[in-house]
């Protein structure tokens, strides 16, 4: 593993050095080659009732979603950077205590940087860095005394070297036979690191393997656009047949200049992550065991969106 890591490091120096040389050469024309854009989205849901015969509960939830793109393209090379930050919470009624509790329902920070040098008309030598984590504590609700996640706990760092098929700005397919993946849990005293594949008492888990990434955007109609991303990772040294998978699809609806709607589905399977199995025990929702499985999340959001 040490030799493979060294090879990846030396090759990354080549890519960084080449990028720096080209950037210095074209620094006077940066406005011609750089493009910066983004999208910020705010969604709020609220519902209240009193003496409602059919029953029900009060509801309040909020979600902030921000995407920022910083891209460079000139002649035979390109450099794309994307930052995603999502945070959402909801106010939940607790019947047992006749009180309310704020609970996090989304927390993502995702930074992706990809640099390519043209090999053929549509094929590029590619280096890619991805960093993903979260900021705020997460708990095994309804038990808010057991922290399941926190700042940099977990955090994932993936560095890949390979080839990228990029026929246009809306489609990219990358295959990397040399990829390092590092999982870390900084708050080991509060978060059980073994739930993320890290050995007890340690904070890091390093893997070397193969990486595949497919992303594409497609305009379905004038005001409807879909963005999709699929990533696969196989660990060369441990159970290479158990492939980690992540797929996300966003369908964006532009109602008018400011009002937008988003439908999102998100699947994750990570062979190193353990998922709690909850059952009712003595009338309480209790975690009885942990297992491996497919994680699923779905959201429909309507709110104010601003493109910049």
C-alpha atoms as a PDB file:
ATOM      1  CA  UNK A   1       0.000   0.000   0.000  1.00  0.00           C
ATOM      2  CA  UNK A   2       2.861   2.398   0.801  1.00  0.00           C
ATOM      3  CA  UNK A   3       4.313   2.057  -2.730  1.00  0.00           C
ATOM      4  CA  UNK A   4       0.912   2.658  -4.314  1.00  0.00           C
ATOM      5  CA  UNK A   5       0.318   5.717  -2.132  1.00  0.00           C
ATOM      6  CA  UNK A   6       3.755   7.078  -3.123  1.00  0.00           C
ATOM      7  CA  UNK A   7       2.966   6.643  -6.827  1.00  0.00           C
ATOM      8  CA  UNK A   8      -0.329   8.493  -6.414  1.00  0.00           C
ATOM      9  CA  UNK A   9       1.453  11.302  -4.550  1.00  0.00           C
ATOM     10  CA  UNK A  10       4.171  11.735  -7.209  1.00  0.00           C
ATOM     11  CA  UNK A  11       1.649  11.746 -10.038  1.00  0.00           C
ATOM     12  CA  UNK A  12      -0.446  14.317  -8.182  1.00  0.00           C
ATOM     13  CA  UNK A  13       2.595  16.613  -7.982  1.00  0.00           C
ATOM     14  CA  UNK A  14       2.894  16.427 -11.773  1.00  0.00           C
ATOM     15  CA  UNK A  15      -0.754  17.414 -12.247  1.00  0.00           C
ATOM     16  CA  UNK A  16      -0.518  20.278  -9.735  1.00  0.00           C
ATOM     17  CA  UNK A  17       2.724  21.566 -11.253  1.00  0.00           C
ATOM     18  CA  UNK A  18       1.313  21.525 -14.759  1.00  0.00           C
ATOM     19  CA  UNK A  19      -1.855  23.306 -13.625  1.00  0.00           C
ATOM     20  CA  UNK A  20       0.178  25.980 -11.852  1.00  0.00           C
ATOM     21  CA  UNK A  21       2.334  26.583 -14.936  1.00  0.00           C
ATOM     22  CA  UNK A  22      -0.689  26.964 -17.206  1.00  0.00           C
ATOM     23  CA  UNK A  23      -2.527  29.185 -14.706  1.00  0.00           C
ATOM     24  CA  UNK A  24       0.437  31.553 -14.393  1.00  0.00           C
ATOM     25  CA  UNK A  25       0.705  31.792 -18.192  1.00  0.00           C
ATOM     26  CA  UNK A  26      -2.935  32.772 -18.596  1.00  0.00           C
ATOM     27  CA  UNK A  27      -3.346  34.828 -15.423  1.00  0.00           C
ATOM     28  CA  UNK A  28      -3.810  38.070 -17.374  1.00  0.00           C
ATOM     29  CA  UNK A  29      -6.821  36.601 -19.203  1.00  0.00           C
ATOM     30  CA  UNK A  30      -8.536  34.983 -16.202  1.00  0.00           C
ATOM     31  CA  UNK A  31     -11.939  36.535 -16.963  1.00  0.00           C
ATOM     32  CA  UNK A  32     -11.932  34.823 -20.333  1.00  0.00           C
ATOM     33  CA  UNK A  33     -11.292  31.347 -18.917  1.00  0.00           C
ATOM     34  CA  UNK A  34     -12.827  31.341 -15.419  1.00  0.00           C
ATOM     35  CA  UNK A  35     -16.556  30.917 -14.743  1.00  0.00           C
ATOM     36  CA  UNK A  36     -18.075  31.311 -11.278  1.00  0.00           C
ATOM     37  CA  UNK A  37     -21.740  30.585 -10.632  1.00  0.00           C
ATOM     38  CA  UNK A  38     -23.984  29.210  -7.952  1.00  0.00           C
ATOM     39  CA  UNK A  39     -27.459  28.461  -6.699  1.00  0.00           C
ATOM     40  CA  UNK A  40     -28.905  29.000  -3.231  1.00  0.00           C
ATOM     41  CA  UNK A  41     -32.214  27.504  -2.178  1.00  0.00           C
ATOM     42  CA  UNK A  42     -34.289  28.071   0.982  1.00  0.00           C
ATOM     43  CA  UNK A  43     -37.289  25.913   1.847  1.00  0.00           C
ATOM     44  CA  UNK A  44     -39.609  26.308   4.853  1.00  0.00           C
ATOM     45  CA  UNK A  45     -42.625  24.142   5.745  1.00  0.00           C
ATOM     46  CA  UNK A  46     -45.097  24.951   8.496  1.00  0.00           C
ATOM     47  CA  UNK A  47     -48.413  23.577   9.678  1.00  0.00           C
ATOM     48  CA  UNK A  48     -50.430  24.093  12.871  1.00  0.00           C
ATOM     49  CA  UNK A  49     -53.679  22.750  14.267  1.00  0.00           C
ATOM     50  CA  UNK A  50     -55.707  22.961  17.485  1.00  0.00           C
ATOM     51  CA  UNK A  51     -58.723  20.894  18.523  1.00  0.00           C
ATOM     52  CA  UNK A  52     -58.578  19.128  15.143  1.00  0.00           C
ATOM     53  CA  UNK A  53     -61.009  16.191  15.265  1.00  0.00           C
ATOM     54  CA  UNK A  54     -59.118  14.072  12.745  1.00  0.00           C
ATOM     55  CA  UNK A  55     -55.900  14.336  14.751  1.00  0.00           C
ATOM     56  CA  UNK A  56     -52.393  15.256  13.680  1.00  0.00           C
ATOM     57  CA  UNK A  57     -49.352  17.191  14.862  1.00  0.00           C
ATOM     58  CA  UNK A  58     -47.844  20.642  14.364  1.00  0.00           C
ATOM     59  CA  UNK A  59     -45.009  20.813  11.864  1.00  0.00           C
ATOM     60  CA  UNK A  60     -42.110  23.130  11.140  1.00  0.00           C
ATOM     61  CA  UNK A  61     -39.045  22.369   9.005  1.00  0.00           C
ATOM     62  CA  UNK A  62     -36.392  24.341   7.162  1.00  0.00           C
ATOM     63  CA  UNK A  63     -33.687  23.507   4.620  1.00  0.00           C
ATOM     64  CA  UNK A  64     -30.889  25.606   3.111  1.00  0.00           C
ATOM     65  CA  UNK A  65     -29.099  24.241   0.048  1.00  0.00           C
ATOM     66  CA  UNK A  66     -26.195  26.016  -1.685  1.00  0.00           C
ATOM     67  CA  UNK A  67     -24.125  24.969  -4.719  1.00  0.00           C
ATOM     68  CA  UNK A  68     -21.090  26.951  -5.926  1.00  0.00           C
ATOM     69  CA  UNK A  69     -19.168  26.213  -9.155  1.00  0.00           C
ATOM     70  CA  UNK A  70     -15.687  27.616  -9.920  1.00  0.00           C
ATOM     71  CA  UNK A  71     -14.484  26.354 -13.303  1.00  0.00           C
ATOM     72  CA  UNK A  72     -11.501  27.020 -15.553  1.00  0.00           C
ATOM     73  CA  UNK A  73     -11.249  25.953 -19.192  1.00  0.00           C
ATOM     74  CA  UNK A  74      -8.577  26.864 -21.731  1.00  0.00           C
ATOM     75  CA  UNK A  75      -7.158  25.045 -24.752  1.00  0.00           C
ATOM     76  CA  UNK A  76      -6.168  21.496 -23.761  1.00  0.00           C
ATOM     77  CA  UNK A  77      -7.011  21.486 -20.082  1.00  0.00           C
ATOM     78  CA  UNK A  78      -9.815  22.269 -17.636  1.00  0.00           C
ATOM     79  CA  UNK A  79     -10.245  22.564 -13.887  1.00  0.00           C
ATOM     80  CA  UNK A  80     -13.672  22.202 -12.264  1.00  0.00           C
ATOM     81  CA  UNK A  81     -14.500  22.879  -8.604  1.00  0.00           C
ATOM     82  CA  UNK A  82     -17.865  22.341  -6.935  1.00  0.00           C
ATOM     83  CA  UNK A  83     -18.916  23.095  -3.356  1.00  0.00           C
ATOM     84  CA  UNK A  84     -22.184  21.759  -1.916  1.00  0.00           C
ATOM     85  CA  UNK A  85     -23.530  22.726   1.501  1.00  0.00           C
ATOM     86  CA  UNK A  86     -26.900  21.545   2.788  1.00  0.00           C
ATOM     87  CA  UNK A  87     -28.376  22.031   6.237  1.00  0.00           C
ATOM     88  CA  UNK A  88     -31.906  21.361   7.404  1.00  0.00           C
ATOM     89  CA  UNK A  89     -33.810  20.864  10.650  1.00  0.00           C
ATOM     90  CA  UNK A  90     -37.339  20.144  11.782  1.00  0.00           C
ATOM     91  CA  UNK A  91     -39.362  20.745  14.939  1.00  0.00           C
ATOM     92  CA  UNK A  92     -40.823  17.481  16.250  1.00  0.00           C
ATOM     93  CA  UNK A  93     -43.468  17.021  18.946  1.00  0.00           C
ATOM     94  CA  UNK A  94     -42.573  14.577  21.733  1.00  0.00           C
ATOM     95  CA  UNK A  95     -45.893  13.191  23.108  1.00  0.00           C
ATOM     96  CA  UNK A  96     -44.249  11.484  26.125  1.00  0.00           C
ATOM     97  CA  UNK A  97     -42.972  14.804  27.515  1.00  0.00           C
ATOM     98  CA  UNK A  98     -45.553  17.143  25.911  1.00  0.00           C
ATOM     99  CA  UNK A  99     -42.679  19.161  24.455  1.00  0.00           C
ATOM    100  CA  UNK A 100     -40.988  19.869  21.124  1.00  0.00           C
ATOM    101  CA  UNK A 101     -37.470  19.095  19.934  1.00  0.00           C
ATOM    102  CA  UNK A 102     -35.350  20.395  17.071  1.00  0.00           C
ATOM    103  CA  UNK A 103     -33.809  17.586  15.011  1.00  0.00           C
ATOM    104  CA  UNK A 104     -31.374  17.741  12.112  1.00  0.00           C
ATOM    105  CA  UNK A 105     -32.664  16.180   8.908  1.00  0.00           C
ATOM    106  CA  UNK A 106     -29.856  17.145   6.504  1.00  0.00           C
ATOM    107  CA  UNK A 107     -26.192  18.127   6.925  1.00  0.00           C
ATOM    108  CA  UNK A 108     -23.725  17.826   4.035  1.00  0.00           C
ATOM    109  CA  UNK A 109     -20.518  19.584   3.058  1.00  0.00           C
ATOM    110  CA  UNK A 110     -19.055  18.270  -0.203  1.00  0.00           C
ATOM    111  CA  UNK A 111     -16.041  19.705  -2.051  1.00  0.00           C
ATOM    112  CA  UNK A 112     -14.980  18.228  -5.387  1.00  0.00           C
ATOM    113  CA  UNK A 113     -12.034  19.374  -7.517  1.00  0.00           C
ATOM    114  CA  UNK A 114     -11.223  17.792 -10.874  1.00  0.00           C
ATOM    115  CA  UNK A 115      -8.366  18.644 -13.261  1.00  0.00           C
ATOM    116  CA  UNK A 116      -7.983  17.259 -16.785  1.00  0.00           C
ATOM    117  CA  UNK A 117      -5.352  17.372 -19.547  1.00  0.00           C
ATOM    118  CA  UNK A 118      -6.538  16.526 -23.056  1.00  0.00           C
ATOM    119  CA  UNK A 119      -5.363  13.172 -24.443  1.00  0.00           C
ATOM    120  CA  UNK A 120      -7.707  13.010 -27.434  1.00  0.00           C
ATOM    121  CA  UNK A 121     -10.647  15.114 -28.604  1.00  0.00           C
ATOM    122  CA  UNK A 122     -12.988  13.872 -25.847  1.00  0.00           C
ATOM    123  CA  UNK A 123     -10.640  11.959 -23.528  1.00  0.00           C
ATOM    124  CA  UNK A 124      -8.578  13.510 -20.722  1.00  0.00           C
ATOM    125  CA  UNK A 125      -5.931  12.457 -18.224  1.00  0.00           C
ATOM    126  CA  UNK A 126      -7.656  13.300 -14.953  1.00  0.00           C
ATOM    127  CA  UNK A 127      -6.838  13.950 -11.278  1.00  0.00           C
ATOM    128  CA  UNK A 128      -9.693  14.355  -8.825  1.00  0.00           C
ATOM    129  CA  UNK A 129      -9.993  15.230  -5.135  1.00  0.00           C
ATOM    130  CA  UNK A 130     -13.210  14.830  -3.145  1.00  0.00           C
ATOM    131  CA  UNK A 131     -13.737  15.843   0.491  1.00  0.00           C
ATOM    132  CA  UNK A 132     -17.042  15.179   2.237  1.00  0.00           C
ATOM    133  CA  UNK A 133     -18.123  15.685   5.837  1.00  0.00           C
ATOM    134  CA  UNK A 134     -20.771  17.337   8.027  1.00  0.00           C
ATOM    135  CA  UNK A 135     -20.748  20.140  10.599  1.00  0.00           C
ATOM    136  CA  UNK A 136     -23.329  19.483  13.317  1.00  0.00           C
ATOM    137  CA  UNK A 137     -24.004  16.541  15.672  1.00  0.00           C
ATOM    138  CA  UNK A 138     -26.399  13.791  14.674  1.00  0.00           C
ATOM    139  CA  UNK A 139     -28.119  11.444  17.118  1.00  0.00           C
ATOM    140  CA  UNK A 140     -29.803   8.064  17.119  1.00  0.00           C
ATOM    141  CA  UNK A 141     -33.304   9.514  17.577  1.00  0.00           C
ATOM    142  CA  UNK A 142     -35.440   9.232  19.598  1.00  0.00           C
ATOM    143  CA  UNK A 143     -32.430   8.663  21.888  1.00  0.00           C
ATOM    144  CA  UNK A 144     -30.641  12.014  21.801  1.00  0.00           C
ATOM    145  CA  UNK A 145     -27.914  10.849  24.200  1.00  0.00           C
ATOM    146  CA  UNK A 146     -26.154   8.678  21.593  1.00  0.00           C
ATOM    147  CA  UNK A 147     -24.211  10.736  19.050  1.00  0.00           C
ATOM    148  CA  UNK A 148     -23.897   9.009  15.674  1.00  0.00           C
ATOM    149  CA  UNK A 149     -22.003  11.763  13.817  1.00  0.00           C
ATOM    150  CA  UNK A 150     -20.352  15.160  14.341  1.00  0.00           C
ATOM    151  CA  UNK A 151     -17.924  17.641  12.813  1.00  0.00           C
ATOM    152  CA  UNK A 152     -15.360  15.674  10.730  1.00  0.00           C
ATOM    153  CA  UNK A 153     -16.879  12.511  12.183  1.00  0.00           C
ATOM    154  CA  UNK A 154     -17.057  10.966   9.725  1.00  0.00           C
ATOM    155  CA  UNK A 155     -15.120  12.685   6.946  1.00  0.00           C
ATOM    156  CA  UNK A 156     -14.089  11.135   3.634  1.00  0.00           C
ATOM    157  CA  UNK A 157     -11.138  12.076   1.414  1.00  0.00           C
ATOM    158  CA  UNK A 158     -10.888  10.458  -2.030  1.00  0.00           C
ATOM    159  CA  UNK A 159      -8.018  11.129  -4.438  1.00  0.00           C
ATOM    160  CA  UNK A 160      -8.131   9.546  -7.896  1.00  0.00           C
ATOM    161  CA  UNK A 161      -5.899   9.386 -10.978  1.00  0.00           C
ATOM    162  CA  UNK A 162      -7.266   8.054 -14.231  1.00  0.00           C
ATOM    163  CA  UNK A 163      -8.993   8.863 -17.505  1.00  0.00           C
ATOM    164  CA  UNK A 164     -12.057  11.028 -18.033  1.00  0.00           C
ATOM    165  CA  UNK A 165     -14.402  10.877 -21.011  1.00  0.00           C
ATOM    166  CA  UNK A 166     -15.888  14.368 -21.354  1.00  0.00           C
ATOM    167  CA  UNK A 167     -17.663  15.028 -24.679  1.00  0.00           C
ATOM    168  CA  UNK A 168     -19.325  18.233 -23.366  1.00  0.00           C
ATOM    169  CA  UNK A 169     -19.874  20.288 -20.212  1.00  0.00           C
ATOM    170  CA  UNK A 170     -22.956  18.263 -19.226  1.00  0.00           C
ATOM    171  CA  UNK A 171     -21.439  14.764 -19.238  1.00  0.00           C
ATOM    172  CA  UNK A 172     -18.377  13.239 -17.604  1.00  0.00           C
ATOM    173  CA  UNK A 173     -17.331   9.635 -17.055  1.00  0.00           C
ATOM    174  CA  UNK A 174     -14.198   8.935 -15.031  1.00  0.00           C
ATOM    175  CA  UNK A 175     -12.420   5.621 -14.460  1.00  0.00           C
ATOM    176  CA  UNK A 176      -9.522   5.498 -12.009  1.00  0.00           C
ATOM    177  CA  UNK A 177      -7.447   2.350 -11.328  1.00  0.00           C
ATOM    178  CA  UNK A 178      -5.449   4.290  -8.700  1.00  0.00           C
ATOM    179  CA  UNK A 179      -7.610   5.739  -5.939  1.00  0.00           C
ATOM    180  CA  UNK A 180      -6.956   6.343  -2.262  1.00  0.00           C
ATOM    181  CA  UNK A 181      -9.904   6.628   0.122  1.00  0.00           C
ATOM    182  CA  UNK A 182      -9.474   7.797   3.709  1.00  0.00           C
ATOM    183  CA  UNK A 183     -12.229   7.663   6.323  1.00  0.00           C
ATOM    184  CA  UNK A 184     -11.720   9.604   9.546  1.00  0.00           C
ATOM    185  CA  UNK A 185     -13.575  10.138  12.812  1.00  0.00           C
ATOM    186  CA  UNK A 186     -12.107  13.051  14.763  1.00  0.00           C
ATOM    187  CA  UNK A 187     -14.536  12.931  17.686  1.00  0.00           C
ATOM    188  CA  UNK A 188     -13.698   9.359  18.640  1.00  0.00           C
ATOM    189  CA  UNK A 189     -14.764   9.962  22.260  1.00  0.00           C
ATOM    190  CA  UNK A 190     -18.312  10.883  21.205  1.00  0.00           C
ATOM    191  CA  UNK A 191     -18.835   8.931  17.947  1.00  0.00           C
ATOM    192  CA  UNK A 192     -18.387   5.159  17.636  1.00  0.00           C
ATOM    193  CA  UNK A 193     -15.707   4.868  14.953  1.00  0.00           C
ATOM    194  CA  UNK A 194     -16.422   1.168  14.366  1.00  0.00           C
ATOM    195  CA  UNK A 195     -19.755   2.113  12.752  1.00  0.00           C
ATOM    196  CA  UNK A 196     -17.717   3.606   9.861  1.00  0.00           C
ATOM    197  CA  UNK A 197     -15.266   0.722   9.397  1.00  0.00           C
ATOM    198  CA  UNK A 198     -12.511   2.140  11.618  1.00  0.00           C
ATOM    199  CA  UNK A 199     -10.900  -0.107  14.224  1.00  0.00           C
ATOM    200  CA  UNK A 200     -11.674   0.604  17.863  1.00  0.00           C
ATOM    201  CA  UNK A 201      -9.299   3.202  19.283  1.00  0.00           C
ATOM    202  CA  UNK A 202      -8.166   4.481  15.876  1.00  0.00           C
ATOM    203  CA  UNK A 203      -9.252   7.562  13.909  1.00  0.00           C
ATOM    204  CA  UNK A 204      -8.314   6.714  10.317  1.00  0.00           C
ATOM    205  CA  UNK A 205      -9.070   3.950   7.844  1.00  0.00           C
ATOM    206  CA  UNK A 206      -7.155   3.996   4.537  1.00  0.00           C
ATOM    207  CA  UNK A 207      -8.091   2.088   1.395  1.00  0.00           C
ATOM    208  CA  UNK A 208      -6.560   1.706  -2.077  1.00  0.00           C
ATOM    209  CA  UNK A 209      -8.807   0.676  -4.931  1.00  0.00           C
ATOM    210  CA  UNK A 210     -10.591   1.459  -8.192  1.00  0.00           C
ATOM    211  CA  UNK A 211     -13.033   4.344  -8.634  1.00  0.00           C
ATOM    212  CA  UNK A 212     -15.777   5.046 -11.164  1.00  0.00           C
ATOM    213  CA  UNK A 213     -17.773   8.261 -11.473  1.00  0.00           C
ATOM    214  CA  UNK A 214     -20.552   9.179 -13.880  1.00  0.00           C
ATOM    215  CA  UNK A 215     -22.292  12.568 -13.803  1.00  0.00           C
ATOM    216  CA  UNK A 216     -24.590  14.194 -16.302  1.00  0.00           C
ATOM    217  CA  UNK A 217     -27.136  16.981 -16.634  1.00  0.00           C
ATOM    218  CA  UNK A 218     -30.105  16.880 -18.961  1.00  0.00           C
ATOM    219  CA  UNK A 219     -32.740  19.488 -19.807  1.00  0.00           C
ATOM    220  CA  UNK A 220     -36.084  17.685 -19.817  1.00  0.00           C
ATOM    221  CA  UNK A 221     -38.135  20.768 -20.706  1.00  0.00           C
ATOM    222  CA  UNK A 222     -37.722  24.528 -20.789  1.00  0.00           C
ATOM    223  CA  UNK A 223     -37.984  24.904 -17.000  1.00  0.00           C
ATOM    224  CA  UNK A 224     -37.096  21.343 -15.918  1.00  0.00           C
ATOM    225  CA  UNK A 225     -33.538  20.053 -15.569  1.00  0.00           C
ATOM    226  CA  UNK A 226     -32.133  16.879 -14.031  1.00  0.00           C
ATOM    227  CA  UNK A 227     -28.681  16.398 -12.465  1.00  0.00           C
ATOM    228  CA  UNK A 228     -27.413  12.877 -11.744  1.00  0.00           C
ATOM    229  CA  UNK A 229     -24.288  11.423 -10.142  1.00  0.00           C
ATOM    230  CA  UNK A 230     -23.164   7.806  -9.674  1.00  0.00           C
ATOM    231  CA  UNK A 231     -19.929   6.775  -7.918  1.00  0.00           C
ATOM    232  CA  UNK A 232     -18.518   3.279  -7.333  1.00  0.00           C
ATOM    233  CA  UNK A 233     -15.467   2.236  -5.290  1.00  0.00           C
ATOM    234  CA  UNK A 234     -13.838  -1.177  -4.873  1.00  0.00           C
ATOM    235  CA  UNK A 235     -11.161  -1.857  -2.249  1.00  0.00           C
ATOM    236  CA  UNK A 236      -8.297  -3.904  -3.746  1.00  0.00           C
ATOM    237  CA  UNK A 237      -7.149  -5.352  -0.393  1.00  0.00           C
ATOM    238  CA  UNK A 238     -10.403  -6.244   1.381  1.00  0.00           C
ATOM    239  CA  UNK A 239     -13.556  -7.697  -0.178  1.00  0.00           C
ATOM    240  CA  UNK A 240     -13.178  -6.067  -3.617  1.00  0.00           C
ATOM    241  CA  UNK A 241     -16.492  -7.635  -4.667  1.00  0.00           C
ATOM    242  CA  UNK A 242     -18.357  -5.527  -2.065  1.00  0.00           C
ATOM    243  CA  UNK A 243     -18.548  -2.299  -4.056  1.00  0.00           C
ATOM    244  CA  UNK A 244     -19.409   0.980  -2.330  1.00  0.00           C
ATOM    245  CA  UNK A 245     -22.137   2.803  -4.245  1.00  0.00           C
ATOM    246  CA  UNK A 246     -23.637   6.285  -4.135  1.00  0.00           C
ATOM    247  CA  UNK A 247     -26.301   7.610  -6.492  1.00  0.00           C
ATOM    248  CA  UNK A 248     -28.113  10.945  -6.360  1.00  0.00           C
ATOM    249  CA  UNK A 249     -30.639  12.404  -8.757  1.00  0.00           C
ATOM    250  CA  UNK A 250     -32.028  15.948  -8.540  1.00  0.00           C
ATOM    251  CA  UNK A 251     -34.888  17.174 -10.715  1.00  0.00           C
ATOM    252  CA  UNK A 252     -35.058  20.974 -10.648  1.00  0.00           C
ATOM    253  CA  UNK A 253     -38.298  22.782 -11.543  1.00  0.00           C
ATOM    254  CA  UNK A 254     -38.116  26.510 -12.236  1.00  0.00           C
ATOM    255  CA  UNK A 255     -41.597  27.893 -11.541  1.00  0.00           C
ATOM    256  CA  UNK A 256     -40.556  31.515 -12.033  1.00  0.00           C
ATOM    257  CA  UNK A 257     -37.471  33.674 -11.486  1.00  0.00           C
ATOM    258  CA  UNK A 258     -37.375  33.035  -7.729  1.00  0.00           C
ATOM    259  CA  UNK A 259     -39.727  30.159  -6.876  1.00  0.00           C
ATOM    260  CA  UNK A 260     -38.211  26.738  -7.524  1.00  0.00           C
ATOM    261  CA  UNK A 261     -38.967  23.124  -6.681  1.00  0.00           C
ATOM    262  CA  UNK A 262     -36.564  20.213  -6.276  1.00  0.00           C
ATOM    263  CA  UNK A 263     -37.215  16.467  -6.143  1.00  0.00           C
ATOM    264  CA  UNK A 264     -34.246  14.459  -4.834  1.00  0.00           C
ATOM    265  CA  UNK A 265     -33.540  10.757  -4.396  1.00  0.00           C
ATOM    266  CA  UNK A 266     -30.305   9.568  -2.795  1.00  0.00           C
ATOM    267  CA  UNK A 267     -28.995   5.998  -2.413  1.00  0.00           C
ATOM    268  CA  UNK A 268     -25.856   4.937  -0.494  1.00  0.00           C
ATOM    269  CA  UNK A 269     -24.344   1.517   0.097  1.00  0.00           C
ATOM    270  CA  UNK A 270     -21.043   1.492   1.990  1.00  0.00           C
ATOM    271  CA  UNK A 271     -19.783  -1.893   3.127  1.00  0.00           C
ATOM    272  CA  UNK A 272     -17.889  -0.238   5.981  1.00  0.00           C
ATOM    273  CA  UNK A 273     -20.922   1.532   7.467  1.00  0.00           C
ATOM    274  CA  UNK A 274     -23.305  -0.051   9.974  1.00  0.00           C
ATOM    275  CA  UNK A 275     -26.993   0.876  10.017  1.00  0.00           C
ATOM    276  CA  UNK A 276     -29.028   0.709  13.254  1.00  0.00           C
ATOM    277  CA  UNK A 277     -31.940  -1.726  13.446  1.00  0.00           C
ATOM    278  CA  UNK A 278     -34.724  -0.175  15.575  1.00  0.00           C
ATOM    279  CA  UNK A 279     -37.654  -1.989  17.146  1.00  0.00           C
ATOM    280  CA  UNK A 280     -40.330  -1.248  19.733  1.00  0.00           C
ATOM    281  CA  UNK A 281     -39.220  -2.696  23.078  1.00  0.00           C
ATOM    282  CA  UNK A 282     -41.531  -2.163  26.070  1.00  0.00           C
ATOM    283  CA  UNK A 283     -43.310   0.568  24.114  1.00  0.00           C
ATOM    284  CA  UNK A 284     -40.108   2.444  23.230  1.00  0.00           C
ATOM    285  CA  UNK A 285     -38.339   2.732  19.889  1.00  0.00           C
ATOM    286  CA  UNK A 286     -34.953   1.105  20.659  1.00  0.00           C
ATOM    287  CA  UNK A 287     -31.836   0.176  18.678  1.00  0.00           C
ATOM    288  CA  UNK A 288     -31.441  -3.589  19.069  1.00  0.00           C
ATOM    289  CA  UNK A 289     -28.619  -4.291  16.582  1.00  0.00           C
ATOM    290  CA  UNK A 290     -26.625  -3.004  13.594  1.00  0.00           C
ATOM    291  CA  UNK A 291     -26.449  -4.331  10.035  1.00  0.00           C
ATOM    292  CA  UNK A 292     -25.216  -3.557   6.494  1.00  0.00           C
ATOM    293  CA  UNK A 293     -27.751  -2.278   4.014  1.00  0.00           C
ATOM    294  CA  UNK A 294     -28.867   0.206   1.404  1.00  0.00           C
ATOM    295  CA  UNK A 295     -29.486   3.732   2.695  1.00  0.00           C
ATOM    296  CA  UNK A 296     -32.232   5.768   1.050  1.00  0.00           C
ATOM    297  CA  UNK A 297     -33.324   9.400   1.271  1.00  0.00           C
ATOM    298  CA  UNK A 298     -36.048  11.253  -0.645  1.00  0.00           C
ATOM    299  CA  UNK A 299     -37.021  14.930  -0.507  1.00  0.00           C
ATOM    300  CA  UNK A 300     -39.512  17.194  -2.262  1.00  0.00           C
ATOM    301  CA  UNK A 301     -38.836  20.909  -1.720  1.00  0.00           C
ATOM    302  CA  UNK A 302     -40.570  24.067  -2.876  1.00  0.00           C
ATOM    303  CA  UNK A 303     -39.153  27.422  -1.906  1.00  0.00           C
ATOM    304  CA  UNK A 304     -37.131  30.450  -2.912  1.00  0.00           C
ATOM    305  CA  UNK A 305     -34.118  29.840  -5.121  1.00  0.00           C
ATOM    306  CA  UNK A 306     -31.541  32.355  -6.328  1.00  0.00           C
ATOM    307  CA  UNK A 307     -29.029  31.780  -9.143  1.00  0.00           C
ATOM    308  CA  UNK A 308     -25.886  33.900  -9.104  1.00  0.00           C
END
